[in-house]
């Protein structure tokens, strides 16, 4: 009996030591030293939590959507001398009566340009788009890597609409970040695959392997108008209506960009002018996926399979 108790105590002691030492010796418990440094951006209803200051260079953003609606975070540089206060005072309020006119039928899409020219200061559409994390469903995490090439005052914005039709922007999802003239950031990522966006359509692989993928998104041309292309990634269900998704992507449609989204978005890259590129990193599960842009969504889309 004494021998048995001694063996039990010995076994318990060995197990206890093993439990204590295992996390210290386990590679799973330590951060991946090969993983590039990431800057956190968190969205909720209706806030964007992100950096207040950044250096020039490549930056990798870990985008976590902790809200209950789809969100994105578009970066753009304001013209010199303007700040978030100017944007909130002179630009943001213009879009409420514009959307009301479109809903009521008093305005058509052909009226959008003249309406903005009449009611918005010229500098309001002279921003320099810089990319950023694309549309993402609630509870998801994705990564977007962009290069900041010019110092100045930038804004981070989500202009999805709430279920009642209000712009997320006017509800608080507009934040300022200062980009300094100092060089910093991380080395440019290496991509596992590439996607290219031009006016003729989206050039993308028809199949990708499951698992983590870093995808380089090349913006080769600009669409007509002042806003460049963006590109978003969504996981499709068997009954997803692609026409409905394309209609939803256009903010000027009644119900466009209005929560809830008709598909599960998993990331993407916000607007970048032609000649620029960014990187999207996502963990792909097997299934059918969609690339789609908010610009001319009915034509600018492409599906692929993940195996």
C-alpha atoms as a PDB file:
ATOM      1  CA  UNK A   1       0.000   0.000   0.000  1.00  0.00           C
ATOM      2  CA  UNK A   2       2.822   2.380   0.919  1.00  0.00           C
ATOM      3  CA  UNK A   3       4.585   1.519  -2.337  1.00  0.00           C
ATOM      4  CA  UNK A   4       1.414   2.268  -4.312  1.00  0.00           C
ATOM      5  CA  UNK A   5       0.929   5.671  -2.652  1.00  0.00           C
ATOM      6  CA  UNK A   6       4.566   6.548  -3.341  1.00  0.00           C
ATOM      7  CA  UNK A   7       4.102   5.715  -7.030  1.00  0.00           C
ATOM      8  CA  UNK A   8       0.947   7.874  -7.199  1.00  0.00           C
ATOM      9  CA  UNK A   9       2.738  10.813  -5.584  1.00  0.00           C
ATOM     10  CA  UNK A  10       5.673  10.382  -7.956  1.00  0.00           C
ATOM     11  CA  UNK A  11       3.397  10.260 -11.004  1.00  0.00           C
ATOM     12  CA  UNK A  12       1.434  13.329  -9.849  1.00  0.00           C
ATOM     13  CA  UNK A  13       4.655  15.282  -9.258  1.00  0.00           C
ATOM     14  CA  UNK A  14       5.949  14.416 -12.712  1.00  0.00           C
ATOM     15  CA  UNK A  15       2.650  15.455 -14.300  1.00  0.00           C
ATOM     16  CA  UNK A  16       2.646  18.760 -12.393  1.00  0.00           C
ATOM     17  CA  UNK A  17       6.198  19.570 -13.489  1.00  0.00           C
ATOM     18  CA  UNK A  18       5.257  18.689 -17.060  1.00  0.00           C
ATOM     19  CA  UNK A  19       2.227  21.020 -17.008  1.00  0.00           C
ATOM     20  CA  UNK A  20       4.343  23.873 -15.645  1.00  0.00           C
ATOM     21  CA  UNK A  21       7.222  23.456 -18.076  1.00  0.00           C
ATOM     22  CA  UNK A  22       5.296  22.634 -21.267  1.00  0.00           C
ATOM     23  CA  UNK A  23       4.123  26.223 -22.053  1.00  0.00           C
ATOM     24  CA  UNK A  24       7.681  27.474 -21.564  1.00  0.00           C
ATOM     25  CA  UNK A  25       9.095  24.956 -24.024  1.00  0.00           C
ATOM     26  CA  UNK A  26       6.194  24.939 -26.509  1.00  0.00           C
ATOM     27  CA  UNK A  27       6.681  26.881 -29.725  1.00  0.00           C
ATOM     28  CA  UNK A  28       2.878  27.368 -29.898  1.00  0.00           C
ATOM     29  CA  UNK A  29       2.997  29.497 -26.757  1.00  0.00           C
ATOM     30  CA  UNK A  30       5.478  31.971 -28.225  1.00  0.00           C
ATOM     31  CA  UNK A  31       4.652  34.616 -30.847  1.00  0.00           C
ATOM     32  CA  UNK A  32       5.606  33.805 -34.416  1.00  0.00           C
ATOM     33  CA  UNK A  33       8.851  35.700 -34.903  1.00  0.00           C
ATOM     34  CA  UNK A  34       8.378  35.521 -38.674  1.00  0.00           C
ATOM     35  CA  UNK A  35       5.043  37.352 -38.447  1.00  0.00           C
ATOM     36  CA  UNK A  36       5.439  41.034 -39.428  1.00  0.00           C
ATOM     37  CA  UNK A  37       4.449  43.662 -36.906  1.00  0.00           C
ATOM     38  CA  UNK A  38       0.764  44.597 -37.129  1.00  0.00           C
ATOM     39  CA  UNK A  39      -1.095  47.740 -36.074  1.00  0.00           C
ATOM     40  CA  UNK A  40      -4.542  47.144 -34.607  1.00  0.00           C
ATOM     41  CA  UNK A  41      -7.673  48.716 -36.043  1.00  0.00           C
ATOM     42  CA  UNK A  42     -10.957  47.876 -34.314  1.00  0.00           C
ATOM     43  CA  UNK A  43     -14.456  48.823 -35.475  1.00  0.00           C
ATOM     44  CA  UNK A  44     -17.641  48.890 -33.439  1.00  0.00           C
ATOM     45  CA  UNK A  45     -20.961  50.720 -33.790  1.00  0.00           C
ATOM     46  CA  UNK A  46     -20.035  53.496 -34.354  1.00  0.00           C
ATOM     47  CA  UNK A  47     -16.312  53.975 -33.750  1.00  0.00           C
ATOM     48  CA  UNK A  48     -12.960  53.326 -35.383  1.00  0.00           C
ATOM     49  CA  UNK A  49     -10.105  52.628 -32.964  1.00  0.00           C
ATOM     50  CA  UNK A  50      -6.740  53.000 -34.657  1.00  0.00           C
ATOM     51  CA  UNK A  51      -3.396  54.787 -34.631  1.00  0.00           C
ATOM     52  CA  UNK A  52      -3.171  58.540 -34.154  1.00  0.00           C
ATOM     53  CA  UNK A  53       0.245  58.843 -35.813  1.00  0.00           C
ATOM     54  CA  UNK A  54       2.135  56.804 -38.429  1.00  0.00           C
ATOM     55  CA  UNK A  55       5.454  57.069 -40.253  1.00  0.00           C
ATOM     56  CA  UNK A  56       5.975  56.782 -43.995  1.00  0.00           C
ATOM     57  CA  UNK A  57       6.397  53.266 -45.365  1.00  0.00           C
ATOM     58  CA  UNK A  58       4.582  49.946 -45.443  1.00  0.00           C
ATOM     59  CA  UNK A  59       2.179  49.221 -42.587  1.00  0.00           C
ATOM     60  CA  UNK A  60       0.285  46.023 -41.820  1.00  0.00           C
ATOM     61  CA  UNK A  61      -3.087  46.533 -40.155  1.00  0.00           C
ATOM     62  CA  UNK A  62      -4.854  43.841 -38.145  1.00  0.00           C
ATOM     63  CA  UNK A  63      -8.528  44.679 -38.704  1.00  0.00           C
ATOM     64  CA  UNK A  64     -10.978  43.327 -36.129  1.00  0.00           C
ATOM     65  CA  UNK A  65     -14.674  44.017 -36.579  1.00  0.00           C
ATOM     66  CA  UNK A  66     -16.224  43.808 -33.112  1.00  0.00           C
ATOM     67  CA  UNK A  67     -19.444  45.451 -34.237  1.00  0.00           C
ATOM     68  CA  UNK A  68     -22.714  43.933 -35.346  1.00  0.00           C
ATOM     69  CA  UNK A  69     -22.627  45.321 -38.914  1.00  0.00           C
ATOM     70  CA  UNK A  70     -20.176  45.094 -41.808  1.00  0.00           C
ATOM     71  CA  UNK A  71     -17.451  47.752 -41.701  1.00  0.00           C
ATOM     72  CA  UNK A  72     -14.388  48.871 -43.651  1.00  0.00           C
ATOM     73  CA  UNK A  73     -11.656  51.435 -42.950  1.00  0.00           C
ATOM     74  CA  UNK A  74     -10.660  53.601 -45.927  1.00  0.00           C
ATOM     75  CA  UNK A  75      -7.554  55.791 -45.611  1.00  0.00           C
ATOM     76  CA  UNK A  76      -7.231  59.044 -47.553  1.00  0.00           C
ATOM     77  CA  UNK A  77      -5.034  62.126 -47.318  1.00  0.00           C
ATOM     78  CA  UNK A  78      -6.712  65.524 -47.082  1.00  0.00           C
ATOM     79  CA  UNK A  79      -5.463  68.519 -49.032  1.00  0.00           C
ATOM     80  CA  UNK A  80      -2.865  70.534 -47.155  1.00  0.00           C
ATOM     81  CA  UNK A  81      -4.245  72.669 -44.343  1.00  0.00           C
ATOM     82  CA  UNK A  82      -7.452  70.672 -43.819  1.00  0.00           C
ATOM     83  CA  UNK A  83      -8.305  68.501 -40.800  1.00  0.00           C
ATOM     84  CA  UNK A  84     -11.100  66.277 -39.562  1.00  0.00           C
ATOM     85  CA  UNK A  85     -12.889  69.350 -38.218  1.00  0.00           C
ATOM     86  CA  UNK A  86     -13.097  70.803 -41.743  1.00  0.00           C
ATOM     87  CA  UNK A  87     -14.328  67.469 -43.093  1.00  0.00           C
ATOM     88  CA  UNK A  88     -17.047  67.195 -40.444  1.00  0.00           C
ATOM     89  CA  UNK A  89     -18.162  70.788 -40.949  1.00  0.00           C
ATOM     90  CA  UNK A  90     -18.070  71.183 -44.741  1.00  0.00           C
ATOM     91  CA  UNK A  91     -18.127  67.735 -46.384  1.00  0.00           C
ATOM     92  CA  UNK A  92     -19.873  65.105 -44.266  1.00  0.00           C
ATOM     93  CA  UNK A  93     -23.218  66.993 -43.921  1.00  0.00           C
ATOM     94  CA  UNK A  94     -23.597  67.256 -47.707  1.00  0.00           C
ATOM     95  CA  UNK A  95     -24.290  63.532 -48.099  1.00  0.00           C
ATOM     96  CA  UNK A  96     -27.409  63.474 -45.912  1.00  0.00           C
ATOM     97  CA  UNK A  97     -29.602  65.649 -48.192  1.00  0.00           C
ATOM     98  CA  UNK A  98     -28.039  63.972 -51.231  1.00  0.00           C
ATOM     99  CA  UNK A  99     -29.137  60.528 -50.048  1.00  0.00           C
ATOM    100  CA  UNK A 100     -32.556  61.852 -49.021  1.00  0.00           C
ATOM    101  CA  UNK A 101     -33.034  63.229 -52.535  1.00  0.00           C
ATOM    102  CA  UNK A 102     -32.063  59.901 -54.101  1.00  0.00           C
ATOM    103  CA  UNK A 103     -34.451  57.986 -51.841  1.00  0.00           C
ATOM    104  CA  UNK A 104     -37.371  60.319 -52.526  1.00  0.00           C
ATOM    105  CA  UNK A 105     -36.760  60.391 -56.269  1.00  0.00           C
ATOM    106  CA  UNK A 106     -36.172  64.143 -56.324  1.00  0.00           C
ATOM    107  CA  UNK A 107     -32.610  63.398 -57.438  1.00  0.00           C
ATOM    108  CA  UNK A 108     -31.264  60.813 -59.867  1.00  0.00           C
ATOM    109  CA  UNK A 109     -27.765  59.406 -60.208  1.00  0.00           C
ATOM    110  CA  UNK A 110     -27.139  61.928 -62.978  1.00  0.00           C
ATOM    111  CA  UNK A 111     -27.690  64.686 -60.403  1.00  0.00           C
ATOM    112  CA  UNK A 112     -24.995  63.460 -57.978  1.00  0.00           C
ATOM    113  CA  UNK A 113     -22.074  65.253 -59.643  1.00  0.00           C
ATOM    114  CA  UNK A 114     -23.793  68.638 -60.003  1.00  0.00           C
ATOM    115  CA  UNK A 115     -25.200  68.357 -56.459  1.00  0.00           C
ATOM    116  CA  UNK A 116     -21.743  67.797 -54.970  1.00  0.00           C
ATOM    117  CA  UNK A 117     -20.233  70.607 -57.037  1.00  0.00           C
ATOM    118  CA  UNK A 118     -22.904  72.990 -55.788  1.00  0.00           C
ATOM    119  CA  UNK A 119     -22.913  72.042 -52.117  1.00  0.00           C
ATOM    120  CA  UNK A 120     -19.385  70.801 -51.395  1.00  0.00           C
ATOM    121  CA  UNK A 121     -16.117  72.783 -51.407  1.00  0.00           C
ATOM    122  CA  UNK A 122     -13.762  71.786 -54.226  1.00  0.00           C
ATOM    123  CA  UNK A 123     -11.182  70.382 -51.809  1.00  0.00           C
ATOM    124  CA  UNK A 124     -13.767  67.895 -50.525  1.00  0.00           C
ATOM    125  CA  UNK A 125     -13.202  65.594 -53.508  1.00  0.00           C
ATOM    126  CA  UNK A 126      -9.466  66.216 -53.865  1.00  0.00           C
ATOM    127  CA  UNK A 127      -8.325  63.656 -51.323  1.00  0.00           C
ATOM    128  CA  UNK A 128      -5.547  61.167 -52.092  1.00  0.00           C
ATOM    129  CA  UNK A 129      -6.828  57.652 -51.511  1.00  0.00           C
ATOM    130  CA  UNK A 130      -4.379  55.345 -49.715  1.00  0.00           C
ATOM    131  CA  UNK A 131      -6.127  51.971 -49.365  1.00  0.00           C
ATOM    132  CA  UNK A 132      -7.039  50.318 -46.077  1.00  0.00           C
ATOM    133  CA  UNK A 133      -8.904  47.252 -44.787  1.00  0.00           C
ATOM    134  CA  UNK A 134     -11.894  46.338 -46.937  1.00  0.00           C
ATOM    135  CA  UNK A 135     -15.404  45.223 -46.010  1.00  0.00           C
ATOM    136  CA  UNK A 136     -15.614  42.660 -43.235  1.00  0.00           C
ATOM    137  CA  UNK A 137     -18.472  40.898 -41.484  1.00  0.00           C
ATOM    138  CA  UNK A 138     -19.008  41.096 -37.712  1.00  0.00           C
ATOM    139  CA  UNK A 139     -16.619  39.002 -35.629  1.00  0.00           C
ATOM    140  CA  UNK A 140     -14.043  38.567 -38.395  1.00  0.00           C
ATOM    141  CA  UNK A 141     -10.319  39.393 -38.530  1.00  0.00           C
ATOM    142  CA  UNK A 142      -8.264  40.177 -41.633  1.00  0.00           C
ATOM    143  CA  UNK A 143      -5.046  41.985 -42.490  1.00  0.00           C
ATOM    144  CA  UNK A 144      -4.391  44.781 -44.978  1.00  0.00           C
ATOM    145  CA  UNK A 145      -0.928  46.110 -45.812  1.00  0.00           C
ATOM    146  CA  UNK A 146      -0.590  49.524 -47.462  1.00  0.00           C
ATOM    147  CA  UNK A 147       2.233  51.929 -48.242  1.00  0.00           C
ATOM    148  CA  UNK A 148       1.986  55.510 -47.006  1.00  0.00           C
ATOM    149  CA  UNK A 149       4.099  57.628 -49.349  1.00  0.00           C
ATOM    150  CA  UNK A 150       3.222  61.208 -48.403  1.00  0.00           C
ATOM    151  CA  UNK A 151       3.197  62.960 -45.019  1.00  0.00           C
ATOM    152  CA  UNK A 152       0.091  64.863 -44.007  1.00  0.00           C
ATOM    153  CA  UNK A 153      -3.305  64.607 -42.349  1.00  0.00           C
ATOM    154  CA  UNK A 154      -5.206  61.439 -43.220  1.00  0.00           C
ATOM    155  CA  UNK A 155      -8.673  60.274 -42.302  1.00  0.00           C
ATOM    156  CA  UNK A 156      -9.932  56.749 -41.627  1.00  0.00           C
ATOM    157  CA  UNK A 157     -13.571  56.344 -42.619  1.00  0.00           C
ATOM    158  CA  UNK A 158     -16.369  53.801 -42.823  1.00  0.00           C
ATOM    159  CA  UNK A 159     -19.298  55.039 -44.915  1.00  0.00           C
ATOM    160  CA  UNK A 160     -21.513  51.972 -44.730  1.00  0.00           C
ATOM    161  CA  UNK A 161     -25.078  52.894 -43.723  1.00  0.00           C
ATOM    162  CA  UNK A 162     -26.856  51.765 -40.561  1.00  0.00           C
ATOM    163  CA  UNK A 163     -30.157  49.857 -40.849  1.00  0.00           C
ATOM    164  CA  UNK A 164     -32.023  53.178 -40.549  1.00  0.00           C
ATOM    165  CA  UNK A 165     -30.056  54.611 -43.486  1.00  0.00           C
ATOM    166  CA  UNK A 166     -27.720  56.904 -41.555  1.00  0.00           C
ATOM    167  CA  UNK A 167     -24.120  57.059 -42.709  1.00  0.00           C
ATOM    168  CA  UNK A 168     -21.650  55.435 -40.316  1.00  0.00           C
ATOM    169  CA  UNK A 169     -19.405  58.437 -41.044  1.00  0.00           C
ATOM    170  CA  UNK A 170     -21.792  60.937 -39.492  1.00  0.00           C
ATOM    171  CA  UNK A 171     -22.400  58.599 -36.550  1.00  0.00           C
ATOM    172  CA  UNK A 172     -18.748  58.652 -35.479  1.00  0.00           C
ATOM    173  CA  UNK A 173     -16.791  56.419 -37.859  1.00  0.00           C
ATOM    174  CA  UNK A 174     -14.343  59.088 -39.008  1.00  0.00           C
ATOM    175  CA  UNK A 175     -10.933  59.364 -37.341  1.00  0.00           C
ATOM    176  CA  UNK A 176      -7.817  61.419 -38.040  1.00  0.00           C
ATOM    177  CA  UNK A 177      -4.273  60.079 -38.261  1.00  0.00           C
ATOM    178  CA  UNK A 178      -1.128  62.132 -38.815  1.00  0.00           C
ATOM    179  CA  UNK A 179       1.505  60.684 -41.143  1.00  0.00           C
ATOM    180  CA  UNK A 180       4.931  62.107 -40.330  1.00  0.00           C
ATOM    181  CA  UNK A 181       7.892  62.644 -42.671  1.00  0.00           C
ATOM    182  CA  UNK A 182       9.916  59.975 -40.826  1.00  0.00           C
ATOM    183  CA  UNK A 183      10.606  56.676 -42.566  1.00  0.00           C
ATOM    184  CA  UNK A 184       9.412  53.561 -40.755  1.00  0.00           C
ATOM    185  CA  UNK A 185       7.080  50.654 -41.224  1.00  0.00           C
ATOM    186  CA  UNK A 186       7.912  47.107 -42.278  1.00  0.00           C
ATOM    187  CA  UNK A 187       9.441  45.453 -45.364  1.00  0.00           C
ATOM    188  CA  UNK A 188       7.046  45.018 -48.275  1.00  0.00           C
ATOM    189  CA  UNK A 189       5.277  41.639 -47.954  1.00  0.00           C
ATOM    190  CA  UNK A 190       5.728  38.663 -50.260  1.00  0.00           C
ATOM    191  CA  UNK A 191       2.530  37.507 -51.918  1.00  0.00           C
ATOM    192  CA  UNK A 192       1.194  33.991 -52.410  1.00  0.00           C
ATOM    193  CA  UNK A 193      -0.934  35.142 -55.361  1.00  0.00           C
ATOM    194  CA  UNK A 194      -2.008  38.297 -57.223  1.00  0.00           C
ATOM    195  CA  UNK A 195      -5.220  39.958 -58.331  1.00  0.00           C
ATOM    196  CA  UNK A 196      -5.316  42.861 -60.804  1.00  0.00           C
ATOM    197  CA  UNK A 197      -8.054  45.446 -61.279  1.00  0.00           C
ATOM    198  CA  UNK A 198      -8.597  47.311 -64.546  1.00  0.00           C
ATOM    199  CA  UNK A 199     -11.643  48.772 -66.286  1.00  0.00           C
ATOM    200  CA  UNK A 200     -12.103  45.617 -68.352  1.00  0.00           C
ATOM    201  CA  UNK A 201     -12.555  43.542 -65.204  1.00  0.00           C
ATOM    202  CA  UNK A 202     -10.783  41.649 -62.440  1.00  0.00           C
ATOM    203  CA  UNK A 203      -7.936  39.285 -63.285  1.00  0.00           C
ATOM    204  CA  UNK A 204      -7.667  36.651 -60.558  1.00  0.00           C
ATOM    205  CA  UNK A 205      -6.888  32.948 -60.063  1.00  0.00           C
ATOM    206  CA  UNK A 206      -9.906  30.669 -60.394  1.00  0.00           C
ATOM    207  CA  UNK A 207      -8.667  28.429 -57.558  1.00  0.00           C
ATOM    208  CA  UNK A 208      -6.708  29.001 -54.360  1.00  0.00           C
ATOM    209  CA  UNK A 209      -5.644  26.582 -51.620  1.00  0.00           C
ATOM    210  CA  UNK A 210      -7.281  26.740 -48.207  1.00  0.00           C
ATOM    211  CA  UNK A 211      -5.380  28.346 -45.352  1.00  0.00           C
ATOM    212  CA  UNK A 212      -3.653  31.688 -44.782  1.00  0.00           C
ATOM    213  CA  UNK A 213      -3.082  33.584 -48.040  1.00  0.00           C
ATOM    214  CA  UNK A 214      -1.371  36.910 -48.691  1.00  0.00           C
ATOM    215  CA  UNK A 215      -2.764  38.345 -51.916  1.00  0.00           C
ATOM    216  CA  UNK A 216      -1.254  41.294 -53.764  1.00  0.00           C
ATOM    217  CA  UNK A 217      -3.964  43.541 -55.212  1.00  0.00           C
ATOM    218  CA  UNK A 218      -2.777  45.581 -58.216  1.00  0.00           C
ATOM    219  CA  UNK A 219      -4.797  48.612 -59.269  1.00  0.00           C
ATOM    220  CA  UNK A 220      -3.856  49.119 -62.923  1.00  0.00           C
ATOM    221  CA  UNK A 221      -6.487  51.642 -64.071  1.00  0.00           C
ATOM    222  CA  UNK A 222      -8.929  54.159 -62.633  1.00  0.00           C
ATOM    223  CA  UNK A 223     -12.666  54.108 -63.362  1.00  0.00           C
ATOM    224  CA  UNK A 224     -14.386  57.239 -64.680  1.00  0.00           C
ATOM    225  CA  UNK A 225     -14.887  59.822 -61.941  1.00  0.00           C
ATOM    226  CA  UNK A 226     -12.872  61.018 -58.947  1.00  0.00           C
ATOM    227  CA  UNK A 227     -12.897  57.808 -56.860  1.00  0.00           C
ATOM    228  CA  UNK A 228     -10.506  54.948 -57.748  1.00  0.00           C
ATOM    229  CA  UNK A 229     -11.246  51.230 -57.583  1.00  0.00           C
ATOM    230  CA  UNK A 230     -11.335  49.195 -54.400  1.00  0.00           C
ATOM    231  CA  UNK A 231     -11.676  45.406 -54.064  1.00  0.00           C
ATOM    232  CA  UNK A 232     -13.500  43.289 -51.493  1.00  0.00           C
ATOM    233  CA  UNK A 233     -13.584  39.574 -50.742  1.00  0.00           C
ATOM    234  CA  UNK A 234     -16.723  37.673 -49.725  1.00  0.00           C
ATOM    235  CA  UNK A 235     -17.499  34.040 -48.979  1.00  0.00           C
ATOM    236  CA  UNK A 236     -20.575  32.855 -50.863  1.00  0.00           C
ATOM    237  CA  UNK A 237     -23.406  30.585 -49.786  1.00  0.00           C
ATOM    238  CA  UNK A 238     -25.149  28.226 -52.182  1.00  0.00           C
ATOM    239  CA  UNK A 239     -28.082  30.643 -52.454  1.00  0.00           C
ATOM    240  CA  UNK A 240     -26.157  33.949 -52.657  1.00  0.00           C
ATOM    241  CA  UNK A 241     -27.724  36.290 -55.220  1.00  0.00           C
ATOM    242  CA  UNK A 242     -24.800  37.992 -56.999  1.00  0.00           C
ATOM    243  CA  UNK A 243     -27.075  40.617 -58.562  1.00  0.00           C
ATOM    244  CA  UNK A 244     -28.296  41.552 -55.097  1.00  0.00           C
ATOM    245  CA  UNK A 245     -24.708  41.824 -53.845  1.00  0.00           C
ATOM    246  CA  UNK A 246     -23.737  44.047 -56.795  1.00  0.00           C
ATOM    247  CA  UNK A 247     -26.749  46.305 -56.156  1.00  0.00           C
ATOM    248  CA  UNK A 248     -25.810  46.572 -52.467  1.00  0.00           C
ATOM    249  CA  UNK A 249     -22.240  47.645 -53.263  1.00  0.00           C
ATOM    250  CA  UNK A 250     -23.403  50.923 -54.862  1.00  0.00           C
ATOM    251  CA  UNK A 251     -23.967  53.514 -52.121  1.00  0.00           C
ATOM    252  CA  UNK A 252     -26.138  55.626 -54.428  1.00  0.00           C
ATOM    253  CA  UNK A 253     -28.754  52.870 -54.760  1.00  0.00           C
ATOM    254  CA  UNK A 254     -31.663  52.942 -52.330  1.00  0.00           C
ATOM    255  CA  UNK A 255     -30.570  50.268 -49.859  1.00  0.00           C
ATOM    256  CA  UNK A 256     -27.000  50.352 -51.164  1.00  0.00           C
ATOM    257  CA  UNK A 257     -24.290  49.819 -48.515  1.00  0.00           C
ATOM    258  CA  UNK A 258     -27.096  49.653 -45.958  1.00  0.00           C
ATOM    259  CA  UNK A 259     -26.783  47.098 -43.153  1.00  0.00           C
ATOM    260  CA  UNK A 260     -27.219  44.205 -43.053  1.00  0.00           C
ATOM    261  CA  UNK A 261     -24.912  43.114 -45.877  1.00  0.00           C
ATOM    262  CA  UNK A 262     -26.285  40.412 -48.201  1.00  0.00           C
ATOM    263  CA  UNK A 263     -23.086  38.339 -48.041  1.00  0.00           C
ATOM    264  CA  UNK A 264     -20.291  37.487 -45.593  1.00  0.00           C
ATOM    265  CA  UNK A 265     -17.359  39.794 -46.306  1.00  0.00           C
ATOM    266  CA  UNK A 266     -13.941  38.601 -45.119  1.00  0.00           C
ATOM    267  CA  UNK A 267     -11.645  41.507 -46.023  1.00  0.00           C
ATOM    268  CA  UNK A 268     -10.279  43.445 -48.955  1.00  0.00           C
ATOM    269  CA  UNK A 269      -8.443  46.582 -50.021  1.00  0.00           C
ATOM    270  CA  UNK A 270      -9.977  50.039 -50.037  1.00  0.00           C
ATOM    271  CA  UNK A 271      -9.519  52.607 -52.814  1.00  0.00           C
ATOM    272  CA  UNK A 272      -6.070  53.024 -54.370  1.00  0.00           C
ATOM    273  CA  UNK A 273      -5.212  55.111 -57.453  1.00  0.00           C
ATOM    274  CA  UNK A 274      -3.960  53.372 -60.600  1.00  0.00           C
ATOM    275  CA  UNK A 275      -0.327  52.312 -60.399  1.00  0.00           C
ATOM    276  CA  UNK A 276      -0.517  51.361 -56.730  1.00  0.00           C
ATOM    277  CA  UNK A 277      -0.916  48.056 -54.939  1.00  0.00           C
ATOM    278  CA  UNK A 278      -1.642  46.688 -51.482  1.00  0.00           C
ATOM    279  CA  UNK A 279      -1.805  43.310 -49.764  1.00  0.00           C
ATOM    280  CA  UNK A 280      -4.728  41.418 -48.230  1.00  0.00           C
ATOM    281  CA  UNK A 281      -4.071  38.527 -45.838  1.00  0.00           C
ATOM    282  CA  UNK A 282      -6.964  36.197 -45.022  1.00  0.00           C
ATOM    283  CA  UNK A 283      -7.420  32.657 -43.719  1.00  0.00           C
ATOM    284  CA  UNK A 284      -9.456  30.997 -46.460  1.00  0.00           C
ATOM    285  CA  UNK A 285     -11.815  28.135 -45.679  1.00  0.00           C
ATOM    286  CA  UNK A 286     -12.928  25.765 -48.451  1.00  0.00           C
ATOM    287  CA  UNK A 287     -15.801  27.155 -50.479  1.00  0.00           C
ATOM    288  CA  UNK A 288     -16.776  29.622 -53.186  1.00  0.00           C
ATOM    289  CA  UNK A 289     -15.623  33.240 -52.973  1.00  0.00           C
ATOM    290  CA  UNK A 290     -16.244  36.558 -54.699  1.00  0.00           C
ATOM    291  CA  UNK A 291     -14.006  39.499 -55.538  1.00  0.00           C
ATOM    292  CA  UNK A 292     -16.094  42.642 -56.038  1.00  0.00           C
ATOM    293  CA  UNK A 293     -15.571  46.411 -56.229  1.00  0.00           C
ATOM    294  CA  UNK A 294     -17.878  49.189 -55.070  1.00  0.00           C
ATOM    295  CA  UNK A 295     -17.186  50.871 -58.436  1.00  0.00           C
ATOM    296  CA  UNK A 296     -19.276  49.342 -61.241  1.00  0.00           C
ATOM    297  CA  UNK A 297     -19.918  46.262 -59.107  1.00  0.00           C
ATOM    298  CA  UNK A 298     -22.134  44.622 -61.717  1.00  0.00           C
ATOM    299  CA  UNK A 299     -19.131  44.240 -64.024  1.00  0.00           C
ATOM    300  CA  UNK A 300     -16.237  44.414 -61.564  1.00  0.00           C
ATOM    301  CA  UNK A 301     -16.594  41.029 -59.909  1.00  0.00           C
ATOM    302  CA  UNK A 302     -15.043  37.584 -60.168  1.00  0.00           C
ATOM    303  CA  UNK A 303     -15.673  34.273 -58.389  1.00  0.00           C
ATOM    304  CA  UNK A 304     -13.189  31.554 -57.446  1.00  0.00           C
ATOM    305  CA  UNK A 305     -12.987  28.300 -55.499  1.00  0.00           C
ATOM    306  CA  UNK A 306     -10.956  27.506 -52.391  1.00  0.00           C
ATOM    307  CA  UNK A 307     -10.078  23.832 -51.998  1.00  0.00           C
END
